[in-house]
Amino acid sequence: MNKLLYKPLGMLFGVLGGLAASAAFKKVWQVATGADEPPSATSRDYGWRQVLIAATVQGAIYGLVKAAIDRGGAAGYRKVTGEWPDD
């Protein structure tokens, strides 16, 4: 029952985490490079190095934000219900 109650919250946290990660990556890219938009994999205006660095940074930021949001959501759920979502 515990997992069933947490599942919709976990999905919401995932969406919010994705939005936060996307905004954080865009801001980091702007500060680091001065460019408004990061390169896409198919952009011919950028070389391999720039595209792969952008993808690496984006993945790292996404992983960090997702883990922080998921962990915070689980901790908040525990605080409210007294149970950890995976128990």
PDB file of N, CA and C in Angstrom:
ATOM      1  N   MET A   1       0.828  -1.198   0.000  1.00  0.00           N
ATOM      2  CA  MET A   1       0.000   0.000   0.000  1.00  0.00           C
ATOM      3  C   MET A   1       0.867   1.255   0.000  1.00  0.00           C
ATOM      4  N   ASN A   2       1.974   1.180   0.728  1.00  0.00           N
ATOM      5  CA  ASN A   2       2.864   2.321   0.852  1.00  0.00           C
ATOM      6  C   ASN A   2       3.416   2.750  -0.504  1.00  0.00           C
ATOM      7  N   LYS A   3       3.851   1.784  -1.323  1.00  0.00           N
ATOM      8  CA  LYS A   3       4.388   2.091  -2.647  1.00  0.00           C
ATOM      9  C   LYS A   3       3.309   2.669  -3.547  1.00  0.00           C
ATOM     10  N   LEU A   4       2.099   2.161  -3.422  1.00  0.00           N
ATOM     11  CA  LEU A   4       0.994   2.626  -4.244  1.00  0.00           C
ATOM     12  C   LEU A   4       0.693   4.104  -3.982  1.00  0.00           C
ATOM     13  N   LEU A   5       0.779   4.519  -2.744  1.00  0.00           N
ATOM     14  CA  LEU A   5       0.542   5.922  -2.405  1.00  0.00           C
ATOM     15  C   LEU A   5       1.682   6.826  -2.875  1.00  0.00           C
ATOM     16  N   TYR A   6       2.882   6.310  -2.824  1.00  0.00           N
ATOM     17  CA  TYR A   6       4.045   7.134  -3.181  1.00  0.00           C
ATOM     18  C   TYR A   6       4.231   7.261  -4.696  1.00  0.00           C
ATOM     19  N   LYS A   7       3.764   6.286  -5.459  1.00  0.00           N
ATOM     20  CA  LYS A   7       4.015   6.256  -6.902  1.00  0.00           C
ATOM     21  C   LYS A   7       3.609   7.554  -7.616  1.00  0.00           C
ATOM     22  N   PRO A   8       2.392   8.086  -7.423  1.00  0.00           N
ATOM     23  CA  PRO A   8       2.046   9.343  -8.103  1.00  0.00           C
ATOM     24  C   PRO A   8       2.936  10.509  -7.658  1.00  0.00           C
ATOM     25  N   LEU A   9       3.302  10.509  -6.389  1.00  0.00           N
ATOM     26  CA  LEU A   9       4.191  11.563  -5.900  1.00  0.00           C
ATOM     27  C   LEU A   9       5.573  11.432  -6.531  1.00  0.00           C
ATOM     28  N   GLY A  10       6.060  10.205  -6.648  1.00  0.00           N
ATOM     29  CA  GLY A  10       7.347   9.971  -7.278  1.00  0.00           C
ATOM     30  C   GLY A  10       7.359  10.426  -8.723  1.00  0.00           C
ATOM     31  N   MET A  11       6.258  10.194  -9.427  1.00  0.00           N
ATOM     32  CA  MET A  11       6.161  10.650 -10.819  1.00  0.00           C
ATOM     33  C   MET A  11       6.174  12.173 -10.892  1.00  0.00           C
ATOM     34  N   LEU A  12       5.456  12.811  -9.994  1.00  0.00           N
ATOM     35  CA  LEU A  12       5.448  14.271  -9.956  1.00  0.00           C
ATOM     36  C   LEU A  12       6.838  14.810  -9.646  1.00  0.00           C
ATOM     37  N   PHE A  13       7.520  14.195  -8.681  1.00  0.00           N
ATOM     38  CA  PHE A  13       8.879  14.608  -8.346  1.00  0.00           C
ATOM     39  C   PHE A  13       9.803  14.427  -9.554  1.00  0.00           C
ATOM     40  N   GLY A  14       9.605  13.371 -10.322  1.00  0.00           N
ATOM     41  CA  GLY A  14      10.415  13.131 -11.509  1.00  0.00           C
ATOM     42  C   GLY A  14      10.246  14.216 -12.555  1.00  0.00           C
ATOM     43  N   VAL A  15       9.011  14.619 -12.787  1.00  0.00           N
ATOM     44  CA  VAL A  15       8.741  15.693 -13.759  1.00  0.00           C
ATOM     45  C   VAL A  15       9.351  17.006 -13.284  1.00  0.00           C
ATOM     46  N   LEU A  16       9.128  17.321 -12.017  1.00  0.00           N
ATOM     47  CA  LEU A  16       9.696  18.558 -11.473  1.00  0.00           C
ATOM     48  C   LEU A  16      11.218  18.534 -11.498  1.00  0.00           C
ATOM     49  N   GLY A  17      11.788  17.367 -11.205  1.00  0.00           N
ATOM     50  CA  GLY A  17      13.240  17.225 -11.256  1.00  0.00           C
ATOM     51  C   GLY A  17      13.781  17.430 -12.660  1.00  0.00           C
ATOM     52  N   GLY A  18      13.085  16.894 -13.653  1.00  0.00           N
ATOM     53  CA  GLY A  18      13.501  17.084 -15.044  1.00  0.00           C
ATOM     54  C   GLY A  18      13.461  18.543 -15.457  1.00  0.00           C
ATOM     55  N   LEU A  19      12.419  19.241 -15.049  1.00  0.00           N
ATOM     56  CA  LEU A  19      12.313  20.672 -15.358  1.00  0.00           C
ATOM     57  C   LEU A  19      13.410  21.472 -14.664  1.00  0.00           C
ATOM     58  N   ALA A  20      13.657  21.143 -13.402  1.00  0.00           N
ATOM     59  CA  ALA A  20      14.707  21.841 -12.654  1.00  0.00           C
ATOM     60  C   ALA A  20      16.082  21.560 -13.243  1.00  0.00           C
ATOM     61  N   ALA A  21      16.329  20.316 -13.631  1.00  0.00           N
ATOM     62  CA  ALA A  21      17.620  19.953 -14.222  1.00  0.00           C
ATOM     63  C   ALA A  21      17.839  20.660 -15.543  1.00  0.00           C
ATOM     64  N   SER A  22      16.801  20.738 -16.343  1.00  0.00           N
ATOM     65  CA  SER A  22      16.902  21.419 -17.634  1.00  0.00           C
ATOM     66  C   SER A  22      17.231  22.900 -17.445  1.00  0.00           C
ATOM     67  N   ALA A  23      16.553  23.542 -16.515  1.00  0.00           N
ATOM     68  CA  ALA A  23      16.810  24.964 -16.249  1.00  0.00           C
ATOM     69  C   ALA A  23      18.216  25.163 -15.680  1.00  0.00           C
ATOM     70  N   ALA A  24      18.640  24.265 -14.794  1.00  0.00           N
ATOM     71  CA  ALA A  24      19.980  24.379 -14.201  1.00  0.00           C
ATOM     72  C   ALA A  24      21.054  24.194 -15.261  1.00  0.00           C
ATOM     73  N   PHE A  25      20.882  23.222 -16.152  1.00  0.00           N
ATOM     74  CA  PHE A  25      21.868  22.995 -17.208  1.00  0.00           C
ATOM     75  C   PHE A  25      21.957  24.199 -18.137  1.00  0.00           C
ATOM     76  N   LYS A  26      20.815  24.732 -18.516  1.00  0.00           N
ATOM     77  CA  LYS A  26      20.819  25.893 -19.416  1.00  0.00           C
ATOM     78  C   LYS A  26      21.563  27.069 -18.783  1.00  0.00           C
ATOM     79  N   LYS A  27      21.326  27.285 -17.494  1.00  0.00           N
ATOM     80  CA  LYS A  27      21.994  28.383 -16.797  1.00  0.00           C
ATOM     81  C   LYS A  27      23.503  28.137 -16.696  1.00  0.00           C
ATOM     82  N   VAL A  28      23.892  26.917 -16.349  1.00  0.00           N
ATOM     83  CA  VAL A  28      25.316  26.576 -16.260  1.00  0.00           C
ATOM     84  C   VAL A  28      25.979  26.757 -17.622  1.00  0.00           C
ATOM     85  N   TRP A  29      25.312  26.315 -18.682  1.00  0.00           N
ATOM     86  CA  TRP A  29      25.881  26.445 -20.020  1.00  0.00           C
ATOM     87  C   TRP A  29      26.048  27.920 -20.398  1.00  0.00           C
ATOM     88  N   GLN A  30      25.064  28.740 -20.071  1.00  0.00           N
ATOM     89  CA  GLN A  30      25.157  30.179 -20.369  1.00  0.00           C
ATOM     90  C   GLN A  30      26.324  30.815 -19.635  1.00  0.00           C
ATOM     91  N   VAL A  31      26.486  30.503 -18.372  1.00  0.00           N
ATOM     92  CA  VAL A  31      27.573  31.078 -17.577  1.00  0.00           C
ATOM     93  C   VAL A  31      28.927  30.595 -18.089  1.00  0.00           C
ATOM     94  N   ALA A  32      29.026  29.307 -18.405  1.00  0.00           N
ATOM     95  CA  ALA A  32      30.304  28.724 -18.813  1.00  0.00           C
ATOM     96  C   ALA A  32      30.739  29.150 -20.207  1.00  0.00           C
ATOM     97  N   THR A  33      29.779  29.314 -21.126  1.00  0.00           N
ATOM     98  CA  THR A  33      30.143  29.560 -22.518  1.00  0.00           C
ATOM     99  C   THR A  33      29.702  30.912 -23.065  1.00  0.00           C
ATOM    100  N   GLY A  34      28.730  31.519 -22.430  1.00  0.00           N
ATOM    101  CA  GLY A  34      28.177  32.768 -22.942  1.00  0.00           C
ATOM    102  C   GLY A  34      27.129  32.554 -24.025  1.00  0.00           C
ATOM    103  N   ALA A  35      26.931  31.301 -24.440  1.00  0.00           N
ATOM    104  CA  ALA A  35      25.930  30.987 -25.468  1.00  0.00           C
ATOM    105  C   ALA A  35      24.572  30.785 -24.814  1.00  0.00           C
ATOM    106  N   ASP A  36      23.535  31.251 -25.493  1.00  0.00           N
ATOM    107  CA  ASP A  36      22.188  31.112 -24.944  1.00  0.00           C
ATOM    108  C   ASP A  36      21.692  29.667 -24.948  1.00  0.00           C
ATOM    109  N   GLU A  37      22.025  28.924 -25.981  1.00  0.00           N
ATOM    110  CA  GLU A  37      21.560  27.548 -26.110  1.00  0.00           C
ATOM    111  C   GLU A  37      22.742  26.587 -26.202  1.00  0.00           C
ATOM    112  N   PRO A  38      22.646  25.446 -25.548  1.00  0.00           N
ATOM    113  CA  PRO A  38      23.699  24.433 -25.689  1.00  0.00           C
ATOM    114  C   PRO A  38      23.597  23.772 -27.061  1.00  0.00           C
ATOM    115  N   PRO A  39      24.678  23.199 -27.530  1.00  0.00           N
ATOM    116  CA  PRO A  39      24.621  22.538 -28.837  1.00  0.00           C
ATOM    117  C   PRO A  39      23.823  21.242 -28.772  1.00  0.00           C
ATOM    118  N   SER A  40      23.102  20.981 -29.833  1.00  0.00           N
ATOM    119  CA  SER A  40      22.441  19.679 -29.936  1.00  0.00           C
ATOM    120  C   SER A  40      23.384  18.727 -30.660  1.00  0.00           C
ATOM    121  N   ALA A  41      23.111  17.462 -30.568  1.00  0.00           N
ATOM    122  CA  ALA A  41      23.982  16.461 -31.186  1.00  0.00           C
ATOM    123  C   ALA A  41      24.049  16.612 -32.705  1.00  0.00           C
ATOM    124  N   THR A  42      23.015  17.167 -33.299  1.00  0.00           N
ATOM    125  CA  THR A  42      22.980  17.285 -34.758  1.00  0.00           C
ATOM    126  C   THR A  42      23.325  18.682 -35.266  1.00  0.00           C
ATOM    127  N   SER A  43      23.697  19.566 -34.369  1.00  0.00           N
ATOM    128  CA  SER A  43      24.048  20.925 -34.783  1.00  0.00           C
ATOM    129  C   SER A  43      25.379  20.927 -35.535  1.00  0.00           C
ATOM    130  N   ARG A  44      25.365  21.472 -36.731  1.00  0.00           N
ATOM    131  CA  ARG A  44      26.610  21.467 -37.503  1.00  0.00           C
ATOM    132  C   ARG A  44      27.512  22.643 -37.138  1.00  0.00           C
ATOM    133  N   ASP A  45      27.033  23.556 -36.315  1.00  0.00           N
ATOM    134  CA  ASP A  45      27.819  24.725 -35.912  1.00  0.00           C
ATOM    135  C   ASP A  45      28.825  24.411 -34.802  1.00  0.00           C
ATOM    136  N   TYR A  46      28.757  23.227 -34.239  1.00  0.00           N
ATOM    137  CA  TYR A  46      29.635  22.834 -33.140  1.00  0.00           C
ATOM    138  C   TYR A  46      30.396  21.568 -33.513  1.00  0.00           C
ATOM    139  N   GLY A  47      31.582  21.436 -32.939  1.00  0.00           N
ATOM    140  CA  GLY A  47      32.381  20.236 -33.163  1.00  0.00           C
ATOM    141  C   GLY A  47      32.022  19.135 -32.185  1.00  0.00           C
ATOM    142  N   TRP A  48      32.639  17.973 -32.405  1.00  0.00           N
ATOM    143  CA  TRP A  48      32.418  16.831 -31.535  1.00  0.00           C
ATOM    144  C   TRP A  48      32.699  17.159 -30.082  1.00  0.00           C
ATOM    145  N   ARG A  49      33.802  17.817 -29.850  1.00  0.00           N
ATOM    146  CA  ARG A  49      34.217  18.115 -28.474  1.00  0.00           C
ATOM    147  C   ARG A  49      33.148  18.909 -27.732  1.00  0.00           C
ATOM    148  N   GLN A  50      32.651  19.982 -28.349  1.00  0.00           N
ATOM    149  CA  GLN A  50      31.643  20.823 -27.697  1.00  0.00           C
ATOM    150  C   GLN A  50      30.348  20.045 -27.445  1.00  0.00           C
ATOM    151  N   VAL A  51      29.926  19.262 -28.421  1.00  0.00           N
ATOM    152  CA  VAL A  51      28.685  18.498 -28.283  1.00  0.00           C
ATOM    153  C   VAL A  51      28.814  17.460 -27.165  1.00  0.00           C
ATOM    154  N   LEU A  52      29.944  16.767 -27.124  1.00  0.00           N
ATOM    155  CA  LEU A  52      30.118  15.732 -26.104  1.00  0.00           C
ATOM    156  C   LEU A  52      30.301  16.319 -24.710  1.00  0.00           C
ATOM    157  N   ILE A  53      30.969  17.445 -24.613  1.00  0.00           N
ATOM    158  CA  ILE A  53      31.090  18.108 -23.306  1.00  0.00           C
ATOM    159  C   ILE A  53      29.718  18.565 -22.819  1.00  0.00           C
ATOM    160  N   ALA A  54      28.941  19.154 -23.724  1.00  0.00           N
ATOM    161  CA  ALA A  54      27.594  19.599 -23.344  1.00  0.00           C
ATOM    162  C   ALA A  54      26.747  18.420 -22.876  1.00  0.00           C
ATOM    163  N   ALA A  55      26.821  17.297 -23.578  1.00  0.00           N
ATOM    164  CA  ALA A  55      26.045  16.114 -23.202  1.00  0.00           C
ATOM    165  C   ALA A  55      26.496  15.562 -21.847  1.00  0.00           C
ATOM    166  N   THR A  56      27.795  15.583 -21.604  1.00  0.00           N
ATOM    167  CA  THR A  56      28.332  15.085 -20.332  1.00  0.00           C
ATOM    168  C   THR A  56      27.877  15.965 -19.169  1.00  0.00           C
ATOM    169  N   VAL A  57      27.981  17.260 -19.341  1.00  0.00           N
ATOM    170  CA  VAL A  57      27.563  18.194 -18.287  1.00  0.00           C
ATOM    171  C   VAL A  57      26.059  18.080 -18.052  1.00  0.00           C
ATOM    172  N   GLN A  58      25.304  17.984 -19.129  1.00  0.00           N
ATOM    173  CA  GLN A  58      23.855  17.854 -18.998  1.00  0.00           C
ATOM    174  C   GLN A  58      23.487  16.579 -18.242  1.00  0.00           C
ATOM    175  N   GLY A  59      24.134  15.474 -18.560  1.00  0.00           N
ATOM    176  CA  GLY A  59      23.862  14.212 -17.869  1.00  0.00           C
ATOM    177  C   GLY A  59      24.218  14.263 -16.396  1.00  0.00           C
ATOM    178  N   ALA A  60      25.340  14.889 -16.085  1.00  0.00           N
ATOM    179  CA  ALA A  60      25.757  15.001 -14.687  1.00  0.00           C
ATOM    180  C   ALA A  60      24.779  15.857 -13.889  1.00  0.00           C
ATOM    181  N   ILE A  61      24.376  16.968 -14.467  1.00  0.00           N
ATOM    182  CA  ILE A  61      23.421  17.847 -13.773  1.00  0.00           C
ATOM    183  C   ILE A  61      22.079  17.149 -13.614  1.00  0.00           C
ATOM    184  N   TYR A  62      21.616  16.488 -14.662  1.00  0.00           N
ATOM    185  CA  TYR A  62      20.346  15.779 -14.581  1.00  0.00           C
ATOM    186  C   TYR A  62      20.385  14.705 -13.495  1.00  0.00           C
ATOM    187  N   GLY A  63      21.456  13.916 -13.467  1.00  0.00           N
ATOM    188  CA  GLY A  63      21.583  12.866 -12.456  1.00  0.00           C
ATOM    189  C   GLY A  63      21.602  13.425 -11.044  1.00  0.00           C
ATOM    190  N   LEU A  64      22.340  14.501 -10.852  1.00  0.00           N
ATOM    191  CA  LEU A  64      22.424  15.129  -9.530  1.00  0.00           C
ATOM    192  C   LEU A  64      21.070  15.674  -9.084  1.00  0.00           C
ATOM    193  N   VAL A  65      20.418  16.420  -9.955  1.00  0.00           N
ATOM    194  CA  VAL A  65      19.124  17.021  -9.591  1.00  0.00           C
ATOM    195  C   VAL A  65      18.074  15.934  -9.369  1.00  0.00           C
ATOM    196  N   LYS A  66      18.037  14.928 -10.227  1.00  0.00           N
ATOM    197  CA  LYS A  66      17.063  13.855 -10.074  1.00  0.00           C
ATOM    198  C   LYS A  66      17.255  13.123  -8.752  1.00  0.00           C
ATOM    199  N   ALA A  67      18.496  12.808  -8.422  1.00  0.00           N
ATOM    200  CA  ALA A  67      18.760  12.117  -7.155  1.00  0.00           C
ATOM    201  C   ALA A  67      18.355  12.987  -5.965  1.00  0.00           C
ATOM    202  N   ALA A  68      18.669  14.265  -6.023  1.00  0.00           N
ATOM    203  CA  ALA A  68      18.322  15.177  -4.920  1.00  0.00           C
ATOM    204  C   ALA A  68      16.806  15.302  -4.770  1.00  0.00           C
ATOM    205  N   ILE A  69      16.091  15.437  -5.894  1.00  0.00           N
ATOM    206  CA  ILE A  69      14.632  15.567  -5.843  1.00  0.00           C
ATOM    207  C   ILE A  69      14.000  14.265  -5.347  1.00  0.00           C
ATOM    208  N   ASP A  70      14.452  13.124  -5.882  1.00  0.00           N
ATOM    209  CA  ASP A  70      13.906  11.832  -5.453  1.00  0.00           C
ATOM    210  C   ASP A  70      14.158  11.583  -3.968  1.00  0.00           C
ATOM    211  N   ARG A  71      15.373  11.874  -3.533  1.00  0.00           N
ATOM    212  CA  ARG A  71      15.722  11.655  -2.128  1.00  0.00           C
ATOM    213  C   ARG A  71      14.927  12.590  -1.220  1.00  0.00           C
ATOM    214  N   GLY A  72      14.826  13.846  -1.620  1.00  0.00           N
ATOM    215  CA  GLY A  72      14.042  14.807  -0.841  1.00  0.00           C
ATOM    216  C   GLY A  72      12.576  14.426  -0.778  1.00  0.00           C
ATOM    217  N   GLY A  73      12.035  13.937  -1.890  1.00  0.00           N
ATOM    218  CA  GLY A  73      10.638  13.495  -1.913  1.00  0.00           C
ATOM    219  C   GLY A  73      10.411  12.310  -0.996  1.00  0.00           C
ATOM    220  N   ALA A  74      11.336  11.363  -1.023  1.00  0.00           N
ATOM    221  CA  ALA A  74      11.214  10.192  -0.146  1.00  0.00           C
ATOM    222  C   ALA A  74      11.320  10.601   1.319  1.00  0.00           C
ATOM    223  N   ALA A  75      12.252  11.499   1.611  1.00  0.00           N
ATOM    224  CA  ALA A  75      12.402  11.966   2.996  1.00  0.00           C
ATOM    225  C   ALA A  75      11.167  12.732   3.454  1.00  0.00           C
ATOM    226  N   GLY A  76      10.608  13.548   2.575  1.00  0.00           N
ATOM    227  CA  GLY A  76       9.382  14.280   2.910  1.00  0.00           C
ATOM    228  C   GLY A  76       8.205  13.342   3.127  1.00  0.00           C
ATOM    229  N   TYR A  77       8.112  12.319   2.293  1.00  0.00           N
ATOM    230  CA  TYR A  77       7.052  11.319   2.444  1.00  0.00           C
ATOM    231  C   TYR A  77       7.173  10.615   3.793  1.00  0.00           C
ATOM    232  N   ARG A  78       8.408  10.276   4.145  1.00  0.00           N
ATOM    233  CA  ARG A  78       8.637   9.629   5.439  1.00  0.00           C
ATOM    234  C   ARG A  78       8.263  10.544   6.595  1.00  0.00           C
ATOM    235  N   LYS A  79       8.568  11.808   6.441  1.00  0.00           N
ATOM    236  CA  LYS A  79       8.251  12.768   7.500  1.00  0.00           C
ATOM    237  C   LYS A  79       6.737  12.869   7.711  1.00  0.00           C
ATOM    238  N   VAL A  80       5.992  12.824   6.612  1.00  0.00           N
ATOM    239  CA  VAL A  80       4.537  12.949   6.683  1.00  0.00           C
ATOM    240  C   VAL A  80       3.880  11.645   7.139  1.00  0.00           C
ATOM    241  N   THR A  81       4.345  10.493   6.587  1.00  0.00           N
ATOM    242  CA  THR A  81       3.679   9.225   6.859  1.00  0.00           C
ATOM    243  C   THR A  81       4.350   8.379   7.930  1.00  0.00           C
ATOM    244  N   GLY A  82       5.626   8.668   8.197  1.00  0.00           N
ATOM    245  CA  GLY A  82       6.375   7.858   9.148  1.00  0.00           C
ATOM    246  C   GLY A  82       6.983   6.618   8.536  1.00  0.00           C
ATOM    247  N   GLU A  83       6.801   6.412   7.232  1.00  0.00           N
ATOM    248  CA  GLU A  83       7.333   5.234   6.540  1.00  0.00           C
ATOM    249  C   GLU A  83       8.141   5.655   5.328  1.00  0.00           C
ATOM    250  N   TRP A  84       9.204   4.894   5.066  1.00  0.00           N
ATOM    251  CA  TRP A  84      10.016   5.127   3.871  1.00  0.00           C
ATOM    252  C   TRP A  84       9.282   4.529   2.674  1.00  0.00           C
ATOM    253  N   PRO A  85       9.257   5.179   1.528  1.00  0.00           N
ATOM    254  CA  PRO A  85       8.465   4.706   0.385  1.00  0.00           C
ATOM    255  C   PRO A  85       8.780   3.278  -0.072  1.00  0.00           C
ATOM    256  N   ASP A  86      10.010   2.827   0.034  1.00  0.00           N
ATOM    257  CA  ASP A  86      10.373   1.485  -0.456  1.00  0.00           C
ATOM    258  C   ASP A  86      10.158   0.380   0.562  1.00  0.00           C
ATOM    259  N   ASP A  87       9.775   0.713   1.777  1.00  0.00           N
ATOM    260  CA  ASP A  87       9.604  -0.315   2.817  1.00  0.00           C
ATOM    261  C   ASP A  87       8.348  -1.121   2.590  1.00  0.00           C
TER     262      ASP A  87
END
